[in-house]
């Protein structure tokens, strides 16, 4: 009952924030007050202004309180959830009520939908500039268009990127922290980018022409390098007189992220007041102990602006509340509440430029193609990303497309590349760009049965936890016994360096025949994984390349739907849990499915 009351209170609070701008006189015809309060390029260390005007042209008396707003894992969803229009409305309202606001982002903003794919991230940088963010950090998906491209975009950003662990040949690329002065206080923001970036983005982006890594993220097998980098940044910020230390982290809570989860970092450091976290798309609100046994608040706000995080610093009592406002409606807030402001106009204008080409219909589905569990949710209310823990019909379709369009014996589709669902109805080019936003090319390599077995074992190592390395398959079937402890060994770069002991993956069949470890098979999948060791799949290194560079993942899917399936995805793919290619053993949740 308490949780229910809390949720209702949060909903009423955010509705009041969204609606009160109209009462205060803010609207499309009024000047966006946030633009007046945004940090100027030449004065990035400060936030807020005294004497800002409200919608009625009157000076606003500042109340001495600070409201830090944060977003994470937007993935180009500028019109989803609250949308940038709703976020702008909230910020304007708080400013009009006398708060000084600071707006920060925890990474994975510029990739995820066509808005980012077509412009290689530039459109989202433009929108974030228009939102007047104060600070941002790079998540792993900031690098999906290449490291050089991200650094170009970072130069275009009118806000600083920070990261205490992203380095080139040992030298930090960005400042490790940023101190923002607001309402007479110095607030330090320390940035952390997950070391998983080295494998979850294309590993080739971080190597030189000789194949040697030149970029890194303070990764090692123990996590100590990252913990030290964070502690050094926190200590330096405190040495500059920071009153509060907020860590902006893209770390998450996934099992496969250890030893670099938020909990790992907090438990090995001191001096952090609040950690604003992202990466795992959860909305978990946690209080945990640091290295010295002191409480640290960890907050996360999900993905695609389904929630906006906040931390309230009272002039009198310090940090008094850190939590999220959630928008759980299918209809985005700007549309349902008819929010009209400058950001609504800006976002609508950007989206309008894409609509004509993206609305082209390339096929149809009579079934819902799922990547999320249709019924189960985690205790915190966030969605179970089914595609990252077991077989799904969306995964079957993608893997089938890669195998059918190349003629390979086996098809693999990395679950981390499947980003959205296809619901029954028309399938547009824009839908497929949102589903497969990375532009990976499909290639075919010749592998031994043993290499396939090693790949499946590596893909299953995080179960029952989620992992983007989990593989959806075509042409093969097998079982995964999660009661067997994973024997996969990763090196300091999160690459597979060996597998020891009993195996989780059992009874593998290619077609209807048991796999032969010595036999050679043709394997289709993305160049990200098969050629560039993406997600740490080193077992394919040196494999004979049969075809490469011929077709993108999107085109393979379009051709499969239009030519192999006659334009319609039908009852063959009706079951959200797929066609029985992957069986999870000793999984309590399997009984519910």
Protein backbone atom coordinates (compact mmCIF):
# COMPACT_ATOMS: atom_id res chain seq x y z
CA UNK A 1 0.00 0.00 0.00
CA UNK A 2 2.85 2.41 0.80
CA UNK A 3 4.39 1.84 -2.63
CA UNK A 4 1.03 2.52 -4.23
CA UNK A 5 0.57 5.76 -2.31
CA UNK A 6 4.11 6.80 -3.22
CA UNK A 7 3.47 6.13 -6.92
CA UNK A 8 0.22 8.12 -6.80
CA UNK A 9 1.97 11.01 -5.03
CA UNK A 10 4.72 11.07 -7.68
CA UNK A 11 2.12 11.05 -10.46
CA UNK A 12 0.18 13.93 -8.90
CA UNK A 13 3.40 15.88 -8.40
CA UNK A 14 4.52 15.56 -11.98
CA UNK A 15 1.08 16.36 -13.35
CA UNK A 16 1.09 19.49 -11.22
CA UNK A 17 4.48 20.43 -12.64
CA UNK A 18 3.36 19.88 -16.21
CA UNK A 19 0.10 21.73 -15.88
CA UNK A 20 1.27 24.64 -13.73
CA UNK A 21 3.18 26.28 -16.55
CA UNK A 22 -0.13 27.18 -18.12
CA UNK A 23 -1.25 28.75 -14.85
CA UNK A 24 2.02 30.67 -14.60
CA UNK A 25 1.52 31.97 -18.12
CA UNK A 26 4.12 29.85 -19.92
CA UNK A 27 3.17 28.60 -23.33
CA UNK A 28 4.14 28.57 -26.98
CA UNK A 29 3.79 32.32 -27.19
CA UNK A 30 6.04 32.93 -24.16
CA UNK A 31 9.81 33.03 -24.12
CA UNK A 32 11.37 29.79 -22.84
CA UNK A 33 12.68 30.86 -19.42
CA UNK A 34 15.05 27.90 -19.30
CA UNK A 35 16.99 29.44 -22.14
CA UNK A 36 17.58 32.45 -19.93
CA UNK A 37 18.87 30.25 -17.12
CA UNK A 38 20.99 27.88 -19.19
CA UNK A 39 24.73 27.79 -18.70
CA UNK A 40 26.39 30.06 -21.27
CA UNK A 41 29.23 28.52 -23.27
CA UNK A 42 31.71 30.89 -21.67
CA UNK A 43 30.42 30.23 -18.14
CA UNK A 44 29.75 26.50 -18.01
CA UNK A 45 30.64 26.18 -14.34
CA UNK A 46 27.48 27.91 -13.13
CA UNK A 47 23.78 27.21 -13.38
CA UNK A 48 20.72 29.31 -12.86
CA UNK A 49 20.24 33.06 -12.68
CA UNK A 50 18.81 35.40 -10.16
CA UNK A 51 15.90 37.53 -11.20
CA UNK A 52 14.63 35.42 -14.08
CA UNK A 53 11.33 36.53 -15.45
CA UNK A 54 8.23 34.36 -15.22
CA UNK A 55 5.56 34.18 -17.91
CA UNK A 56 3.94 37.34 -16.66
CA UNK A 57 7.13 39.37 -17.01
CA UNK A 58 7.79 39.53 -13.25
CA UNK A 59 11.09 38.72 -11.60
CA UNK A 60 11.15 35.34 -9.92
CA UNK A 61 12.51 35.35 -6.39
CA UNK A 62 14.90 32.42 -6.09
CA UNK A 63 14.20 30.21 -3.07
CA UNK A 64 17.79 29.05 -2.54
CA UNK A 65 16.96 25.42 -3.39
CA UNK A 66 18.50 23.44 -6.22
CA UNK A 67 16.77 20.80 -8.31
CA UNK A 68 19.07 18.50 -10.28
CA UNK A 69 17.20 16.85 -13.14
CA UNK A 70 18.72 13.90 -14.92
CA UNK A 71 17.96 11.70 -17.93
CA UNK A 72 19.53 8.46 -19.08
CA UNK A 73 19.34 6.02 -21.99
CA UNK A 74 17.12 8.33 -24.04
CA UNK A 75 18.11 6.36 -27.17
CA UNK A 76 16.73 9.09 -29.45
CA UNK A 77 13.30 8.95 -27.77
CA UNK A 78 12.97 12.73 -27.81
CA UNK A 79 9.21 12.43 -28.33
CA UNK A 80 8.65 9.36 -26.12
CA UNK A 81 7.49 9.29 -22.50
CA UNK A 82 7.78 12.80 -21.10
CA UNK A 83 9.54 13.84 -24.29
CA UNK A 84 11.86 16.79 -24.40
CA UNK A 85 8.77 18.99 -24.46
CA UNK A 86 7.59 17.57 -21.12
CA UNK A 87 11.09 17.75 -19.65
CA UNK A 88 11.33 21.39 -20.72
CA UNK A 89 7.93 22.08 -19.16
CA UNK A 90 9.05 20.56 -15.86
CA UNK A 91 12.26 22.56 -15.83
CA UNK A 92 10.50 25.82 -16.71
CA UNK A 93 7.96 25.22 -13.95
CA UNK A 94 10.63 24.61 -11.32
CA UNK A 95 12.50 27.73 -12.37
CA UNK A 96 9.27 29.74 -12.19
CA UNK A 97 8.73 28.41 -8.67
CA UNK A 98 12.13 29.74 -7.58
CA UNK A 99 14.34 26.67 -7.89
CA UNK A 100 17.73 26.76 -9.59
CA UNK A 101 17.85 23.80 -11.95
CA UNK A 102 20.71 21.74 -13.35
CA UNK A 103 20.05 19.27 -16.17
CA UNK A 104 22.43 16.36 -16.82
CA UNK A 105 22.41 13.21 -18.96
CA UNK A 106 23.85 9.77 -18.14
CA UNK A 107 24.62 8.58 -21.65
CA UNK A 108 23.16 6.53 -24.52
CA UNK A 109 21.29 9.55 -25.84
CA UNK A 110 22.33 9.79 -29.50
CA UNK A 111 21.56 6.28 -30.75
CA UNK A 112 18.53 4.02 -30.78
CA UNK A 113 16.05 5.30 -33.35
CA UNK A 114 16.06 6.62 -36.89
CA UNK A 115 16.45 10.13 -35.54
CA UNK A 116 20.00 9.23 -34.59
CA UNK A 117 20.78 6.59 -37.22
CA UNK A 118 20.16 8.81 -40.25
CA UNK A 119 22.18 11.75 -38.89
CA UNK A 120 24.76 9.60 -37.08
CA UNK A 121 23.83 11.24 -33.81
CA UNK A 122 23.89 14.88 -34.85
CA UNK A 123 20.16 15.52 -34.54
CA UNK A 124 20.15 14.43 -30.90
CA UNK A 125 23.11 16.71 -30.13
CA UNK A 126 21.14 19.58 -31.69
CA UNK A 127 18.12 18.76 -29.53
CA UNK A 128 20.21 18.44 -26.38
CA UNK A 129 21.77 21.82 -27.15
CA UNK A 130 18.26 23.24 -27.46
CA UNK A 131 17.40 21.67 -24.09
CA UNK A 132 20.46 23.43 -22.60
CA UNK A 133 21.91 20.45 -20.80
CA UNK A 134 24.58 21.42 -18.29
CA UNK A 135 26.68 18.23 -18.29
CA UNK A 136 26.61 14.81 -20.03
CA UNK A 137 28.63 11.61 -20.04
CA UNK A 138 29.22 9.15 -22.88
CA UNK A 139 27.48 5.82 -22.58
CA UNK A 140 28.58 2.81 -24.59
CA UNK A 141 26.19 3.64 -27.44
CA UNK A 142 27.67 7.12 -27.95
CA UNK A 143 30.42 5.23 -29.80
CA UNK A 144 28.16 3.31 -32.20
CA UNK A 145 28.99 5.62 -35.10
CA UNK A 146 32.71 5.36 -34.39
CA UNK A 147 34.96 7.03 -31.83
CA UNK A 148 36.02 9.77 -34.25
CA UNK A 149 32.39 10.58 -34.99
CA UNK A 150 31.50 10.82 -31.31
CA UNK A 151 34.42 13.16 -30.65
CA UNK A 152 33.16 15.36 -33.52
CA UNK A 153 29.72 15.44 -31.90
CA UNK A 154 31.21 16.17 -28.48
CA UNK A 155 32.89 19.23 -29.99
CA UNK A 156 29.53 20.37 -31.37
CA UNK A 157 27.79 19.95 -28.01
CA UNK A 158 27.25 23.20 -26.11
CA UNK A 159 27.61 21.32 -22.83
CA UNK A 160 30.70 19.45 -21.59
CA UNK A 161 31.11 15.68 -21.69
CA UNK A 162 32.95 14.25 -18.71
CA UNK A 163 34.38 10.81 -17.93
CA UNK A 164 36.96 9.82 -15.34
CA UNK A 165 37.87 6.59 -17.15
CA UNK A 166 37.59 7.08 -20.94
CA UNK A 167 41.18 7.46 -22.07
CA UNK A 168 43.47 7.36 -25.08
CA UNK A 169 46.81 5.71 -24.43
CA UNK A 170 46.35 6.35 -20.71
CA UNK A 171 45.42 10.04 -21.00
CA UNK A 172 41.85 11.08 -20.23
CA UNK A 173 39.91 12.28 -23.28
CA UNK A 174 37.50 14.42 -21.23
CA UNK A 175 37.73 16.10 -17.85
CA UNK A 176 36.95 13.58 -15.08
CA UNK A 177 34.49 15.87 -13.31
CA UNK A 178 32.74 19.21 -13.57
CA UNK A 179 31.91 21.55 -10.71
CA UNK A 180 28.71 23.51 -11.25
CA UNK A 181 28.06 26.50 -9.01
CA UNK A 182 24.41 27.00 -8.16
CA UNK A 183 22.60 28.90 -5.39
CA UNK A 184 25.87 29.48 -3.59
CA UNK A 185 26.85 25.80 -3.62
CA UNK A 186 29.53 23.89 -5.52
CA UNK A 187 28.16 20.65 -6.91
CA UNK A 188 30.66 18.23 -8.41
CA UNK A 189 29.58 15.85 -11.16
CA UNK A 190 31.93 12.91 -11.75
CA UNK A 191 31.47 10.93 -14.97
CA UNK A 192 31.87 7.16 -15.42
CA UNK A 193 31.51 5.24 -18.69
CA UNK A 194 31.09 1.49 -18.44
CA UNK A 195 34.24 -0.47 -19.39
CA UNK A 196 31.84 -2.80 -21.22
CA UNK A 197 31.92 -0.17 -23.97
CA UNK A 198 35.08 -1.78 -25.29
CA UNK A 199 33.07 -4.80 -26.45
CA UNK A 200 29.46 -3.58 -26.59
CA UNK A 201 30.44 -0.98 -29.19
CA UNK A 202 32.41 -2.19 -32.19
CA UNK A 203 35.85 -3.09 -30.77
CA UNK A 204 37.53 -1.97 -33.99
CA UNK A 205 36.57 1.63 -33.13
CA UNK A 206 39.05 1.59 -30.25
CA UNK A 207 42.04 0.12 -32.11
CA UNK A 208 44.65 1.67 -34.36
CA UNK A 209 45.50 0.47 -37.87
CA UNK A 210 47.79 -2.17 -36.42
CA UNK A 211 44.91 -3.65 -34.42
CA UNK A 212 46.22 -2.42 -31.05
CA UNK A 213 43.89 -0.83 -28.51
CA UNK A 214 44.57 2.89 -28.15
CA UNK A 215 41.34 3.79 -26.33
CA UNK A 216 40.29 2.25 -23.03
CA UNK A 217 37.98 2.63 -20.06
CA UNK A 218 40.19 1.71 -17.08
CA UNK A 219 39.12 -1.89 -17.45
CA UNK A 220 40.74 -4.78 -15.65
CA UNK A 221 39.55 -8.12 -14.33
CA UNK A 222 39.35 -6.96 -10.71
CA UNK A 223 37.71 -3.57 -11.27
CA UNK A 224 40.42 -1.87 -9.20
CA UNK A 225 41.54 0.41 -12.04
CA UNK A 226 38.04 1.83 -12.38
CA UNK A 227 37.55 2.19 -8.62
CA UNK A 228 40.81 4.14 -8.37
CA UNK A 229 39.86 6.42 -11.26
CA UNK A 230 36.53 7.21 -9.58
CA UNK A 231 38.10 7.76 -6.16
CA UNK A 232 40.79 10.05 -7.61
CA UNK A 233 38.12 12.16 -9.33
CA UNK A 234 35.96 12.35 -6.20
CA UNK A 235 38.94 13.33 -4.05
CA UNK A 236 40.04 16.00 -6.53
CA UNK A 237 36.53 17.47 -6.67
CA UNK A 238 36.36 17.58 -2.88
CA UNK A 239 39.77 19.21 -2.88
CA UNK A 240 38.32 22.01 -5.01
CA UNK A 241 35.70 22.66 -2.35
CA UNK A 242 32.73 20.69 -3.68
CA UNK A 243 29.80 20.79 -1.27
CA UNK A 244 28.17 17.72 -2.84
CA UNK A 245 29.47 14.96 -5.10
CA UNK A 246 27.13 13.42 -7.66
CA UNK A 247 28.44 10.58 -9.79
CA UNK A 248 26.93 10.43 -13.27
CA UNK A 249 27.39 6.77 -14.17
CA UNK A 250 26.63 4.56 -17.12
CA UNK A 251 27.20 1.32 -15.23
CA UNK A 252 23.92 -0.42 -14.47
CA UNK A 253 23.14 -3.52 -12.46
CA UNK A 254 23.38 -6.38 -14.97
CA UNK A 255 25.20 -9.52 -13.91
CA UNK A 256 27.31 -9.37 -17.05
CA UNK A 257 28.58 -5.91 -16.07
CA UNK A 258 30.58 -7.13 -13.05
CA UNK A 259 32.99 -5.99 -11.66
CA UNK A 260 31.83 -2.63 -13.00
CA UNK A 261 28.24 -2.31 -11.76
CA UNK A 262 27.17 0.71 -9.73
CA UNK A 263 27.20 -1.50 -6.60
CA UNK A 264 30.81 -2.54 -7.26
CA UNK A 265 31.89 1.09 -7.59
CA UNK A 266 29.98 2.36 -4.55
CA UNK A 267 31.23 -0.44 -2.29
CA UNK A 268 34.85 0.30 -3.23
CA UNK A 269 34.82 4.11 -2.91
CA UNK A 270 34.05 6.91 -0.46
CA UNK A 271 32.88 10.51 -0.74
CA UNK A 272 29.97 10.00 -3.16
CA UNK A 273 26.65 11.49 -2.07
CA UNK A 274 24.42 10.32 -4.92
CA UNK A 275 24.99 8.13 -7.97
CA UNK A 276 22.79 8.92 -10.98
CA UNK A 277 22.99 5.67 -12.94
CA UNK A 278 22.08 4.29 -16.35
CA UNK A 279 22.91 1.50 -18.80
CA UNK A 280 20.61 -1.29 -17.56
CA UNK A 281 17.37 0.61 -18.27
CA UNK A 282 16.03 -0.05 -14.77
CA UNK A 283 14.24 2.33 -12.42
CA UNK A 284 15.64 0.92 -9.18
CA UNK A 285 16.01 3.35 -6.26
CA UNK A 286 18.59 2.04 -3.77
CA UNK A 287 20.40 3.15 -0.64
CA UNK A 288 23.61 1.16 -0.06
CA UNK A 289 26.78 1.40 2.01
CA UNK A 290 30.07 2.69 0.62
CA UNK A 291 33.53 1.48 1.57
CA UNK A 292 33.33 3.29 4.92
CA UNK A 293 29.82 2.07 5.73
CA UNK A 294 28.15 5.38 4.86
CA UNK A 295 24.86 5.57 2.96
CA UNK A 296 24.93 6.38 -0.76
CA UNK A 297 21.76 6.93 -2.79
CA UNK A 298 21.63 5.25 -6.20
CA UNK A 299 18.86 6.26 -8.61
CA UNK A 300 18.05 5.22 -12.19
CA UNK A 301 15.36 6.49 -14.56
CA UNK A 302 14.82 3.78 -17.18
CA UNK A 303 14.89 4.53 -20.89
CA UNK A 304 13.34 6.73 -23.58
CA UNK A 305 12.22 9.39 -21.10
CA UNK A 306 9.78 7.02 -19.38
CA UNK A 307 10.98 8.76 -16.24
CA UNK A 308 12.79 11.95 -15.29
CA UNK A 309 15.11 11.75 -12.30
CA UNK A 310 15.51 14.50 -9.74
CA UNK A 311 17.53 15.32 -6.65
CA UNK A 312 16.40 18.17 -4.43
CA UNK A 313 19.07 20.09 -2.52
CA UNK A 314 17.50 22.28 0.14
CA UNK A 315 19.30 25.47 1.11
CA UNK A 316 18.58 24.60 4.74
CA UNK A 317 18.77 20.81 4.94
CA UNK A 318 21.01 19.68 2.07
CA UNK A 319 19.96 16.70 -0.07
CA UNK A 320 16.40 15.98 1.03
CA UNK A 321 14.93 13.85 -1.78
CA UNK A 322 16.25 11.88 -4.75
CA UNK A 323 13.83 9.89 -6.90
CA UNK A 324 12.08 9.81 -10.27
CA UNK A 325 8.87 11.04 -11.82
CA UNK A 326 7.43 8.35 -14.11
CA UNK A 327 5.25 8.52 -17.20
CA UNK A 328 3.75 5.07 -17.72
CA UNK A 329 1.19 5.94 -20.38
CA UNK A 330 1.53 4.64 -23.93
CA UNK A 331 0.66 8.09 -25.26
CA UNK A 332 3.61 10.51 -24.75
CA UNK A 333 3.02 13.37 -22.31
CA UNK A 334 3.36 16.16 -24.91
CA UNK A 335 0.62 14.57 -27.01
CA UNK A 336 -1.77 13.57 -24.22
CA UNK A 337 -1.43 16.86 -22.32
CA UNK A 338 -1.11 18.98 -25.48
CA UNK A 339 2.09 20.57 -24.22
CA UNK A 340 3.00 23.49 -26.44
CA UNK A 341 6.39 25.07 -25.94
CA UNK A 342 9.58 25.79 -27.85
CA UNK A 343 10.92 22.25 -27.41
CA UNK A 344 7.69 20.73 -28.74
CA UNK A 345 8.07 22.83 -31.88
CA UNK A 346 11.77 21.97 -32.21
CA UNK A 347 11.27 18.21 -31.81
CA UNK A 348 8.25 18.14 -34.12
CA UNK A 349 10.22 19.99 -36.79
CA UNK A 350 13.09 17.49 -36.61
CA UNK A 351 10.76 14.49 -36.76
CA UNK A 352 8.79 15.90 -39.69
CA UNK A 353 11.90 15.83 -41.84
CA UNK A 354 12.19 12.05 -41.42
CA UNK A 355 8.57 11.00 -41.68
CA UNK A 356 8.09 10.63 -45.43
CA UNK A 357 10.92 8.17 -46.03
CA UNK A 358 10.52 6.39 -42.71
CA UNK A 359 6.81 5.76 -43.24
CA UNK A 360 7.41 3.68 -46.36
CA UNK A 361 5.72 0.28 -45.80
CA UNK A 362 8.01 -2.69 -46.49
CA UNK A 363 5.83 -5.51 -45.15
CA UNK A 364 3.24 -6.54 -42.62
CA UNK A 365 3.03 -8.70 -39.51
CA UNK A 366 -0.09 -10.44 -38.25
CA UNK A 367 1.56 -11.19 -34.88
CA UNK A 368 3.34 -9.15 -32.23
CA UNK A 369 7.09 -9.71 -32.48
CA UNK A 370 8.46 -9.36 -28.98
CA UNK A 371 11.70 -8.50 -27.24
CA UNK A 372 10.06 -7.84 -23.85
CA UNK A 373 8.27 -10.38 -21.70
CA UNK A 374 4.53 -9.92 -22.43
CA UNK A 375 3.54 -10.63 -18.82
CA UNK A 376 6.41 -10.67 -16.35
CA UNK A 377 8.13 -7.61 -14.88
CA UNK A 378 10.90 -7.21 -12.34
CA UNK A 379 9.95 -6.35 -8.76
CA UNK A 380 10.82 -2.72 -9.41
CA UNK A 381 8.29 -2.59 -12.26
CA UNK A 382 10.77 -2.41 -15.13
CA UNK A 383 10.34 -4.64 -18.16
CA UNK A 384 12.08 -7.98 -18.52
CA UNK A 385 14.15 -7.83 -21.72
CA UNK A 386 13.20 -11.34 -22.74
CA UNK A 387 15.39 -11.26 -25.82
CA UNK A 388 18.48 -11.07 -23.57
CA UNK A 389 17.70 -14.17 -21.53
CA UNK A 390 15.88 -16.63 -23.80
CA UNK A 391 14.46 -17.23 -27.26
CA UNK A 392 11.85 -14.82 -28.67
CA UNK A 393 9.90 -14.68 -31.92
CA UNK A 394 11.61 -11.40 -32.84
CA UNK A 395 14.97 -13.09 -32.37
CA UNK A 396 13.88 -16.09 -34.44
CA UNK A 397 12.82 -13.80 -37.29
CA UNK A 398 16.11 -11.89 -37.37
CA UNK A 399 18.30 -15.01 -37.17
CA UNK A 400 16.19 -16.70 -39.86
CA UNK A 401 16.62 -13.68 -42.11
CA UNK A 402 20.41 -13.70 -41.79
CA UNK A 403 20.60 -17.43 -42.51
CA UNK A 404 18.06 -17.49 -45.35
CA UNK A 405 19.43 -14.49 -47.24
CA UNK A 406 23.01 -15.81 -47.14
CA UNK A 407 22.38 -19.53 -47.51
CA UNK A 408 24.39 -20.31 -44.37
CA UNK A 409 23.77 -23.39 -42.24
CA UNK A 410 23.57 -21.43 -38.98
CA UNK A 411 22.35 -17.91 -38.24
CA UNK A 412 23.10 -15.86 -35.11
CA UNK A 413 21.47 -12.58 -34.10
CA UNK A 414 22.90 -10.75 -31.08
CA UNK A 415 20.12 -9.77 -28.71
CA UNK A 416 21.81 -6.45 -27.94
CA UNK A 417 21.21 -5.33 -31.52
CA UNK A 418 17.44 -5.95 -31.34
CA UNK A 419 16.21 -2.72 -29.81
CA UNK A 420 12.42 -2.61 -30.17
CA UNK A 421 9.34 -4.66 -30.95
CA UNK A 422 7.29 -4.96 -34.13
CA UNK A 423 3.59 -4.96 -33.31
CA UNK A 424 0.96 -6.40 -35.64
CA UNK A 425 0.21 -4.19 -38.60
CA UNK A 426 2.31 -2.52 -41.26
CA UNK A 427 6.09 -2.70 -40.98
CA UNK A 428 7.76 0.51 -42.11
CA UNK A 429 11.34 1.28 -42.94
CA UNK A 430 11.39 3.45 -39.83
CA UNK A 431 10.25 0.50 -37.69
CA UNK A 432 13.21 -1.52 -38.93
CA UNK A 433 15.64 1.33 -38.36
CA UNK A 434 14.44 1.48 -34.77
CA UNK A 435 14.73 -2.30 -34.45
CA UNK A 436 18.23 -2.52 -35.95
CA UNK A 437 19.78 0.94 -35.53
CA UNK A 438 23.47 0.04 -35.85
CA UNK A 439 23.74 -0.56 -39.58
CA UNK A 440 25.71 -3.80 -39.12
CA UNK A 441 26.62 -5.76 -42.22
CA UNK A 442 25.81 -9.45 -42.47
CA UNK A 443 28.70 -11.73 -43.29
CA UNK A 444 29.30 -15.48 -43.50
CA UNK A 445 32.33 -17.25 -42.05
CA UNK A 446 33.45 -20.86 -42.00
CA UNK A 447 33.73 -22.22 -38.46
CA UNK A 448 34.18 -25.51 -36.66
CA UNK A 449 31.51 -27.01 -34.47
CA UNK A 450 33.76 -26.30 -31.49
CA UNK A 451 33.81 -22.59 -32.28
CA UNK A 452 30.01 -22.60 -32.37
CA UNK A 453 29.90 -24.39 -29.02
CA UNK A 454 32.31 -21.86 -27.52
CA UNK A 455 30.23 -18.97 -28.86
CA UNK A 456 26.99 -20.33 -27.42
CA UNK A 457 28.69 -20.91 -24.06
CA UNK A 458 30.04 -17.35 -24.01
CA UNK A 459 26.62 -15.99 -24.97
CA UNK A 460 24.95 -17.81 -22.06
CA UNK A 461 27.45 -16.89 -19.36
CA UNK A 462 25.35 -14.16 -17.67
CA UNK A 463 22.14 -16.17 -17.29
CA UNK A 464 19.82 -15.83 -15.46
CA UNK A 465 20.89 -12.19 -15.74
CA UNK A 466 20.36 -10.19 -18.92
CA UNK A 467 23.13 -9.79 -21.47
CA UNK A 468 23.27 -8.16 -24.89
CA UNK A 469 25.70 -10.92 -25.90
CA UNK A 470 22.94 -13.55 -25.65
CA UNK A 471 22.34 -15.02 -29.11
CA UNK A 472 19.11 -15.68 -30.96
CA UNK A 473 19.61 -18.56 -33.37
CA UNK A 474 18.51 -20.17 -36.60
CA UNK A 475 19.36 -23.62 -37.96
CA UNK A 476 20.35 -24.95 -34.53
CA UNK A 477 18.73 -25.95 -31.26
CA UNK A 478 20.19 -26.51 -27.80
CA UNK A 479 19.69 -26.45 -24.03
CA UNK A 480 21.21 -24.15 -21.39
CA UNK A 481 21.54 -25.52 -17.86
CA UNK A 482 21.78 -22.44 -15.63
CA UNK A 483 22.45 -24.61 -12.57
CA UNK A 484 25.97 -25.08 -13.98
CA UNK A 485 28.27 -22.20 -13.01
CA UNK A 486 29.65 -20.47 -16.06
CA UNK A 487 33.25 -21.40 -16.78
CA UNK A 488 33.81 -18.50 -19.17
CA UNK A 489 36.93 -16.45 -18.49
CA UNK A 490 37.24 -12.86 -19.67
CA UNK A 491 40.43 -10.88 -20.07
CA UNK A 492 40.94 -7.28 -18.91
CA UNK A 493 39.16 -6.06 -22.06
CA UNK A 494 36.09 -8.26 -21.44
CA UNK A 495 37.13 -10.53 -24.30
CA UNK A 496 36.71 -14.28 -24.06
CA UNK A 497 40.06 -15.85 -23.26
CA UNK A 498 38.89 -19.34 -22.41
CA UNK A 499 36.24 -21.67 -21.00
CA UNK A 500 36.99 -24.06 -18.16
CA UNK A 501 35.07 -26.84 -16.46
CA UNK A 502 31.56 -28.17 -17.13
CA UNK A 503 29.52 -26.51 -19.85
CA UNK A 504 26.09 -24.93 -19.55
CA UNK A 505 25.20 -25.42 -23.21
CA UNK A 506 24.16 -28.99 -24.01
CA UNK A 507 22.54 -31.16 -26.68
CA UNK A 508 23.35 -28.81 -29.56
CA UNK A 509 21.93 -29.86 -32.90
CA UNK A 510 22.48 -28.41 -36.36
CA UNK A 511 19.23 -29.19 -38.05
CA UNK A 512 18.30 -32.59 -36.64
CA UNK A 513 21.90 -33.84 -36.20
CA UNK A 514 24.14 -33.43 -33.13
CA UNK A 515 26.84 -30.84 -33.76
CA UNK A 516 30.28 -32.24 -34.58
CA UNK A 517 33.06 -30.20 -32.92
CA UNK A 518 35.46 -31.08 -35.74
CA UNK A 519 33.09 -30.49 -38.65
CA UNK A 520 33.01 -27.19 -40.52
CA UNK A 521 29.85 -25.13 -40.84
CA UNK A 522 28.88 -21.87 -42.53
CA UNK A 523 27.76 -19.25 -40.00
CA UNK A 524 25.89 -15.99 -40.76
CA UNK A 525 25.78 -13.01 -38.43
CA UNK A 526 26.86 -9.40 -38.01
CA UNK A 527 30.35 -8.18 -38.80
CA UNK A 528 30.27 -6.60 -35.33
CA UNK A 529 30.46 -10.03 -33.74
CA UNK A 530 31.95 -12.37 -36.35
CA UNK A 531 34.72 -10.13 -37.69
CA UNK A 532 35.30 -7.49 -35.00
CA UNK A 533 34.99 -9.53 -31.76
CA UNK A 534 31.99 -7.50 -30.62
CA UNK A 535 30.65 -8.52 -27.18
CA UNK A 536 33.95 -10.36 -26.64
CA UNK A 537 33.44 -13.19 -29.19
CA UNK A 538 37.11 -13.96 -29.82
CA UNK A 539 36.54 -17.58 -30.83
CA UNK A 540 35.91 -16.53 -34.45
CA UNK A 541 39.20 -14.69 -34.78
CA UNK A 542 41.01 -15.86 -37.93
CA UNK A 543 38.01 -17.74 -39.34
CA UNK A 544 37.78 -17.99 -43.09
CA UNK A 545 35.45 -15.27 -44.44
CA UNK A 546 33.08 -16.61 -47.08
CA UNK A 547 31.12 -13.40 -47.75
CA UNK A 548 31.21 -9.92 -46.22
CA UNK A 549 30.00 -6.41 -46.95
CA UNK A 550 27.15 -7.54 -49.18
CA UNK A 551 24.02 -6.66 -47.18
CA UNK A 552 23.02 -4.79 -44.03
CA UNK A 553 20.99 -6.42 -41.26
CA UNK A 554 18.00 -4.23 -42.14
CA UNK A 555 18.13 -5.14 -45.82
CA UNK A 556 18.44 -8.84 -44.97
CA UNK A 557 15.28 -8.56 -42.88
CA UNK A 558 13.41 -6.62 -45.58
CA UNK A 559 14.38 -9.15 -48.25
CA UNK A 560 13.43 -12.08 -46.03
CA UNK A 561 9.99 -10.63 -45.26
CA UNK A 562 9.21 -9.54 -48.81
CA UNK A 563 10.72 -12.44 -50.76
CA UNK A 564 10.84 -15.48 -48.46
CA UNK A 565 7.66 -14.75 -46.49
CA UNK A 566 5.66 -13.10 -49.27
CA UNK A 567 5.48 -9.77 -47.46
CA UNK A 568 3.72 -11.08 -44.33
CA UNK A 569 5.13 -12.32 -41.02
CA UNK A 570 2.50 -14.83 -39.95
CA UNK A 571 1.56 -17.60 -37.55
CA UNK A 572 4.94 -19.36 -37.77
CA UNK A 573 6.22 -16.57 -35.51
CA UNK A 574 3.12 -16.26 -33.31
CA UNK A 575 4.62 -17.50 -30.03
CA UNK A 576 6.46 -14.68 -28.19
CA UNK A 577 8.82 -17.32 -26.76
CA UNK A 578 9.80 -18.62 -30.19
CA UNK A 579 9.82 -22.01 -31.80
CA UNK A 580 11.60 -24.11 -29.18
CA UNK A 581 15.14 -23.64 -30.45
CA UNK A 582 16.54 -22.72 -27.02
CA UNK A 583 15.50 -24.54 -23.85
CA UNK A 584 16.47 -23.06 -20.49
CA UNK A 585 16.95 -25.74 -17.83
CA UNK A 586 16.70 -25.19 -14.06
CA UNK A 587 15.17 -21.75 -14.57
CA UNK A 588 12.34 -21.06 -12.09
CA UNK A 589 10.74 -18.55 -14.45
CA UNK A 590 10.63 -21.14 -17.24
CA UNK A 591 7.79 -22.91 -15.45
CA UNK A 592 5.67 -19.75 -15.74
CA UNK A 593 6.27 -19.69 -19.45
